[in-house]
């Protein structure tokens, strides 16, 4: 079960606050709608214009989803924004994307679906003085769907 964040992100002003989150229940971001305009803009930026994403007429007749779907990498890219809406980091000096240990795309995100991130701090590793690497377990939920769009373990290196 996830705890809702509410209207304010949780402030993590230092490494001790991060450390206290290890193993705590997940928190969730607000819902976000993925519309065709967002999908089309992502297709333009990534040069990925596969019809299942951008051709509504063809997707309606040929796709098993009956409509266009978001790119998997669009869903993954939204994690920066969605996780950023769950937490703030007053006092943090830097934050660098370290990569992913695991990403699985488990369900398609149909156009006009709403998604949100469920975020749990799985691990924290001390790297240097005032610097840690955190492993976020993130699930991208789709409103009304029993299956998430993706599950990932996202690594971020932070310095306070």
C-alpha atoms as a PDB file:
ATOM      1  CA  UNK A   1       0.000   0.000   0.000  1.00  0.00           C
ATOM      2  CA  UNK A   2       1.325   3.422  -0.849  1.00  0.00           C
ATOM      3  CA  UNK A   3       1.035   6.563   1.189  1.00  0.00           C
ATOM      4  CA  UNK A   4      -0.012   9.638  -0.722  1.00  0.00           C
ATOM      5  CA  UNK A   5       2.309  12.604  -0.616  1.00  0.00           C
ATOM      6  CA  UNK A   6      -0.499  15.111  -0.453  1.00  0.00           C
ATOM      7  CA  UNK A   7       0.005  18.636  -1.711  1.00  0.00           C
ATOM      8  CA  UNK A   8       3.591  19.126  -0.505  1.00  0.00           C
ATOM      9  CA  UNK A   9       6.713  17.182  -1.421  1.00  0.00           C
ATOM     10  CA  UNK A  10       8.652  15.609   1.435  1.00  0.00           C
ATOM     11  CA  UNK A  11      11.773  17.639   2.270  1.00  0.00           C
ATOM     12  CA  UNK A  12      15.002  15.658   2.539  1.00  0.00           C
ATOM     13  CA  UNK A  13      17.461  18.253   3.873  1.00  0.00           C
ATOM     14  CA  UNK A  14      20.388  15.890   4.392  1.00  0.00           C
ATOM     15  CA  UNK A  15      21.761  12.388   4.280  1.00  0.00           C
ATOM     16  CA  UNK A  16      20.212  11.470   7.653  1.00  0.00           C
ATOM     17  CA  UNK A  17      16.750  12.266   6.265  1.00  0.00           C
ATOM     18  CA  UNK A  18      17.476  10.064   3.247  1.00  0.00           C
ATOM     19  CA  UNK A  19      18.816   7.286   5.461  1.00  0.00           C
ATOM     20  CA  UNK A  20      15.591   7.363   7.503  1.00  0.00           C
ATOM     21  CA  UNK A  21      13.604   6.568   4.334  1.00  0.00           C
ATOM     22  CA  UNK A  22      15.366   3.272   3.617  1.00  0.00           C
ATOM     23  CA  UNK A  23      12.729   0.560   3.906  1.00  0.00           C
ATOM     24  CA  UNK A  24       9.887   3.014   4.560  1.00  0.00           C
ATOM     25  CA  UNK A  25       6.606   2.544   2.667  1.00  0.00           C
ATOM     26  CA  UNK A  26       6.503   4.076  -0.824  1.00  0.00           C
ATOM     27  CA  UNK A  27       5.207   7.561  -1.488  1.00  0.00           C
ATOM     28  CA  UNK A  28       3.293   8.554  -4.600  1.00  0.00           C
ATOM     29  CA  UNK A  29       3.420  11.489  -6.959  1.00  0.00           C
ATOM     30  CA  UNK A  30       0.364  13.317  -8.248  1.00  0.00           C
ATOM     31  CA  UNK A  31      -1.327  11.849 -11.322  1.00  0.00           C
ATOM     32  CA  UNK A  32      -0.158  13.105 -14.720  1.00  0.00           C
ATOM     33  CA  UNK A  33      -2.053  12.762 -18.012  1.00  0.00           C
ATOM     34  CA  UNK A  34      -0.128  11.590 -21.087  1.00  0.00           C
ATOM     35  CA  UNK A  35      -1.896  13.075 -24.108  1.00  0.00           C
ATOM     36  CA  UNK A  36      -1.223  12.757 -27.826  1.00  0.00           C
ATOM     37  CA  UNK A  37       0.549  16.107 -27.961  1.00  0.00           C
ATOM     38  CA  UNK A  38       3.100  14.903 -25.387  1.00  0.00           C
ATOM     39  CA  UNK A  39       3.592  11.635 -27.285  1.00  0.00           C
ATOM     40  CA  UNK A  40       4.029  13.501 -30.587  1.00  0.00           C
ATOM     41  CA  UNK A  41       6.566  15.917 -29.087  1.00  0.00           C
ATOM     42  CA  UNK A  42       8.544  13.016 -27.644  1.00  0.00           C
ATOM     43  CA  UNK A  43       8.476  11.305 -31.046  1.00  0.00           C
ATOM     44  CA  UNK A  44       9.827  14.482 -32.649  1.00  0.00           C
ATOM     45  CA  UNK A  45      12.653  14.859 -30.127  1.00  0.00           C
ATOM     46  CA  UNK A  46      13.719  11.196 -30.277  1.00  0.00           C
ATOM     47  CA  UNK A  47      13.001  10.725 -33.995  1.00  0.00           C
ATOM     48  CA  UNK A  48      10.884   7.684 -33.069  1.00  0.00           C
ATOM     49  CA  UNK A  49       7.733   8.045 -35.162  1.00  0.00           C
ATOM     50  CA  UNK A  50       6.577   4.431 -35.027  1.00  0.00           C
ATOM     51  CA  UNK A  51       2.908   4.396 -36.053  1.00  0.00           C
ATOM     52  CA  UNK A  52       1.725   2.770 -32.822  1.00  0.00           C
ATOM     53  CA  UNK A  53       2.671   6.013 -31.062  1.00  0.00           C
ATOM     54  CA  UNK A  54       1.747   8.728 -33.560  1.00  0.00           C
ATOM     55  CA  UNK A  55      -0.836   7.446 -36.062  1.00  0.00           C
ATOM     56  CA  UNK A  56      -4.187   7.447 -34.250  1.00  0.00           C
ATOM     57  CA  UNK A  57      -6.155   6.159 -37.240  1.00  0.00           C
ATOM     58  CA  UNK A  58      -3.851   3.222 -37.893  1.00  0.00           C
ATOM     59  CA  UNK A  59      -3.538   2.442 -34.182  1.00  0.00           C
ATOM     60  CA  UNK A  60      -7.345   2.356 -33.887  1.00  0.00           C
ATOM     61  CA  UNK A  61      -7.589  -0.286 -36.593  1.00  0.00           C
ATOM     62  CA  UNK A  62      -4.345  -2.291 -36.268  1.00  0.00           C
ATOM     63  CA  UNK A  63      -3.019  -1.947 -32.731  1.00  0.00           C
ATOM     64  CA  UNK A  64      -3.999  -4.477 -30.069  1.00  0.00           C
ATOM     65  CA  UNK A  65      -4.597  -1.442 -27.815  1.00  0.00           C
ATOM     66  CA  UNK A  66      -7.147   0.186 -30.153  1.00  0.00           C
ATOM     67  CA  UNK A  67      -5.414   3.557 -29.903  1.00  0.00           C
ATOM     68  CA  UNK A  68      -1.951   5.072 -29.733  1.00  0.00           C
ATOM     69  CA  UNK A  69       0.322   4.332 -26.798  1.00  0.00           C
ATOM     70  CA  UNK A  70       3.140   6.277 -25.180  1.00  0.00           C
ATOM     71  CA  UNK A  71       6.722   5.330 -25.920  1.00  0.00           C
ATOM     72  CA  UNK A  72       8.247   3.226 -23.160  1.00  0.00           C
ATOM     73  CA  UNK A  73      11.135   5.684 -23.001  1.00  0.00           C
ATOM     74  CA  UNK A  74       8.667   8.572 -22.602  1.00  0.00           C
ATOM     75  CA  UNK A  75       7.248   6.813 -19.546  1.00  0.00           C
ATOM     76  CA  UNK A  76      10.761   6.261 -18.215  1.00  0.00           C
ATOM     77  CA  UNK A  77      11.766   9.877 -18.901  1.00  0.00           C
ATOM     78  CA  UNK A  78       8.821  11.161 -16.886  1.00  0.00           C
ATOM     79  CA  UNK A  79      10.319   9.654 -13.732  1.00  0.00           C
ATOM     80  CA  UNK A  80      12.553  12.711 -13.292  1.00  0.00           C
ATOM     81  CA  UNK A  81       9.511  14.963 -13.040  1.00  0.00           C
ATOM     82  CA  UNK A  82       7.298  12.555 -11.111  1.00  0.00           C
ATOM     83  CA  UNK A  83       9.889  11.593  -8.485  1.00  0.00           C
ATOM     84  CA  UNK A  84      10.853  15.280  -8.290  1.00  0.00           C
ATOM     85  CA  UNK A  85       7.272  16.055  -7.290  1.00  0.00           C
ATOM     86  CA  UNK A  86       7.511  13.646  -4.339  1.00  0.00           C
ATOM     87  CA  UNK A  87      10.685  15.023  -2.706  1.00  0.00           C
ATOM     88  CA  UNK A  88      12.636  18.253  -2.317  1.00  0.00           C
ATOM     89  CA  UNK A  89      16.281  18.368  -1.332  1.00  0.00           C
ATOM     90  CA  UNK A  90      17.091  21.597   0.519  1.00  0.00           C
ATOM     91  CA  UNK A  91      20.824  21.833   1.028  1.00  0.00           C
ATOM     92  CA  UNK A  92      21.716  19.329  -1.681  1.00  0.00           C
ATOM     93  CA  UNK A  93      24.751  20.411  -3.705  1.00  0.00           C
ATOM     94  CA  UNK A  94      24.494  17.997  -6.656  1.00  0.00           C
ATOM     95  CA  UNK A  95      22.414  15.131  -7.908  1.00  0.00           C
ATOM     96  CA  UNK A  96      23.581  12.980 -10.814  1.00  0.00           C
ATOM     97  CA  UNK A  97      21.697  10.240 -12.613  1.00  0.00           C
ATOM     98  CA  UNK A  98      23.860   7.145 -12.073  1.00  0.00           C
ATOM     99  CA  UNK A  99      21.709   4.822 -14.186  1.00  0.00           C
ATOM    100  CA  UNK A 100      19.322   1.939 -13.706  1.00  0.00           C
ATOM    101  CA  UNK A 101      19.964  -1.504 -12.303  1.00  0.00           C
ATOM    102  CA  UNK A 102      16.662  -2.717 -13.709  1.00  0.00           C
ATOM    103  CA  UNK A 103      13.918  -1.408 -15.964  1.00  0.00           C
ATOM    104  CA  UNK A 104      10.951  -3.452 -17.106  1.00  0.00           C
ATOM    105  CA  UNK A 105       8.093  -2.139 -19.258  1.00  0.00           C
ATOM    106  CA  UNK A 106       5.190  -4.219 -17.961  1.00  0.00           C
ATOM    107  CA  UNK A 107       2.141  -2.594 -19.605  1.00  0.00           C
ATOM    108  CA  UNK A 108       1.435  -0.132 -22.410  1.00  0.00           C
ATOM    109  CA  UNK A 109       0.343   3.395 -21.504  1.00  0.00           C
ATOM    110  CA  UNK A 110      -2.604   4.299 -23.754  1.00  0.00           C
ATOM    111  CA  UNK A 111      -3.025   7.863 -24.928  1.00  0.00           C
ATOM    112  CA  UNK A 112      -4.868  10.040 -22.385  1.00  0.00           C
ATOM    113  CA  UNK A 113      -4.037   7.693 -19.509  1.00  0.00           C
ATOM    114  CA  UNK A 114      -3.028   9.118 -16.163  1.00  0.00           C
ATOM    115  CA  UNK A 115       0.153   7.847 -14.539  1.00  0.00           C
ATOM    116  CA  UNK A 116       1.886   8.394 -11.229  1.00  0.00           C
ATOM    117  CA  UNK A 117       5.101   7.216  -9.626  1.00  0.00           C
ATOM    118  CA  UNK A 118       5.206   5.118  -6.488  1.00  0.00           C
ATOM    119  CA  UNK A 119       8.680   5.646  -5.001  1.00  0.00           C
ATOM    120  CA  UNK A 120      10.519   3.706  -2.300  1.00  0.00           C
ATOM    121  CA  UNK A 121      14.109   4.199  -1.186  1.00  0.00           C
ATOM    122  CA  UNK A 122      15.514   0.663  -1.335  1.00  0.00           C
ATOM    123  CA  UNK A 123      19.202   1.276  -0.610  1.00  0.00           C
ATOM    124  CA  UNK A 124      21.609   4.000   0.389  1.00  0.00           C
ATOM    125  CA  UNK A 125      25.373   3.609  -0.015  1.00  0.00           C
ATOM    126  CA  UNK A 126      27.926   6.027   1.362  1.00  0.00           C
ATOM    127  CA  UNK A 127      30.316   7.076  -1.418  1.00  0.00           C
ATOM    128  CA  UNK A 128      32.359   9.870   0.197  1.00  0.00           C
ATOM    129  CA  UNK A 129      31.960  12.487   2.907  1.00  0.00           C
ATOM    130  CA  UNK A 130      28.465  13.986   2.462  1.00  0.00           C
ATOM    131  CA  UNK A 131      27.920  11.925  -0.723  1.00  0.00           C
ATOM    132  CA  UNK A 132      25.644   8.905  -1.184  1.00  0.00           C
ATOM    133  CA  UNK A 133      24.274   6.737  -3.934  1.00  0.00           C
ATOM    134  CA  UNK A 134      20.597   5.944  -3.527  1.00  0.00           C
ATOM    135  CA  UNK A 135      18.575   3.223  -5.193  1.00  0.00           C
ATOM    136  CA  UNK A 136      14.948   4.205  -5.738  1.00  0.00           C
ATOM    137  CA  UNK A 137      12.458   1.438  -6.481  1.00  0.00           C
ATOM    138  CA  UNK A 138       9.983   3.162  -8.755  1.00  0.00           C
ATOM    139  CA  UNK A 139       6.712   1.840 -10.122  1.00  0.00           C
ATOM    140  CA  UNK A 140       4.843   3.846 -12.749  1.00  0.00           C
ATOM    141  CA  UNK A 141       1.167   3.162 -12.074  1.00  0.00           C
ATOM    142  CA  UNK A 142      -1.582   3.616 -14.676  1.00  0.00           C
ATOM    143  CA  UNK A 143      -4.932   4.825 -13.325  1.00  0.00           C
ATOM    144  CA  UNK A 144      -7.487   2.032 -13.515  1.00  0.00           C
ATOM    145  CA  UNK A 145      -4.964  -0.625 -14.539  1.00  0.00           C
ATOM    146  CA  UNK A 146      -3.989  -3.608 -12.394  1.00  0.00           C
ATOM    147  CA  UNK A 147      -0.536  -3.652 -14.020  1.00  0.00           C
ATOM    148  CA  UNK A 148       2.011  -0.847 -13.828  1.00  0.00           C
ATOM    149  CA  UNK A 149       3.549   0.688 -16.942  1.00  0.00           C
ATOM    150  CA  UNK A 150       7.044   0.044 -15.643  1.00  0.00           C
ATOM    151  CA  UNK A 151       9.095  -0.989 -12.666  1.00  0.00           C
ATOM    152  CA  UNK A 152      12.648   0.221 -12.209  1.00  0.00           C
ATOM    153  CA  UNK A 153      15.524   0.493  -9.793  1.00  0.00           C
ATOM    154  CA  UNK A 154      16.945   3.978 -10.375  1.00  0.00           C
ATOM    155  CA  UNK A 155      20.366   4.937  -9.039  1.00  0.00           C
ATOM    156  CA  UNK A 156      21.138   8.553  -8.186  1.00  0.00           C
ATOM    157  CA  UNK A 157      24.320   9.943  -6.659  1.00  0.00           C
ATOM    158  CA  UNK A 158      23.762  12.909  -4.324  1.00  0.00           C
ATOM    159  CA  UNK A 159      26.117  15.258  -2.510  1.00  0.00           C
ATOM    160  CA  UNK A 160      25.033  17.478   0.379  1.00  0.00           C
END
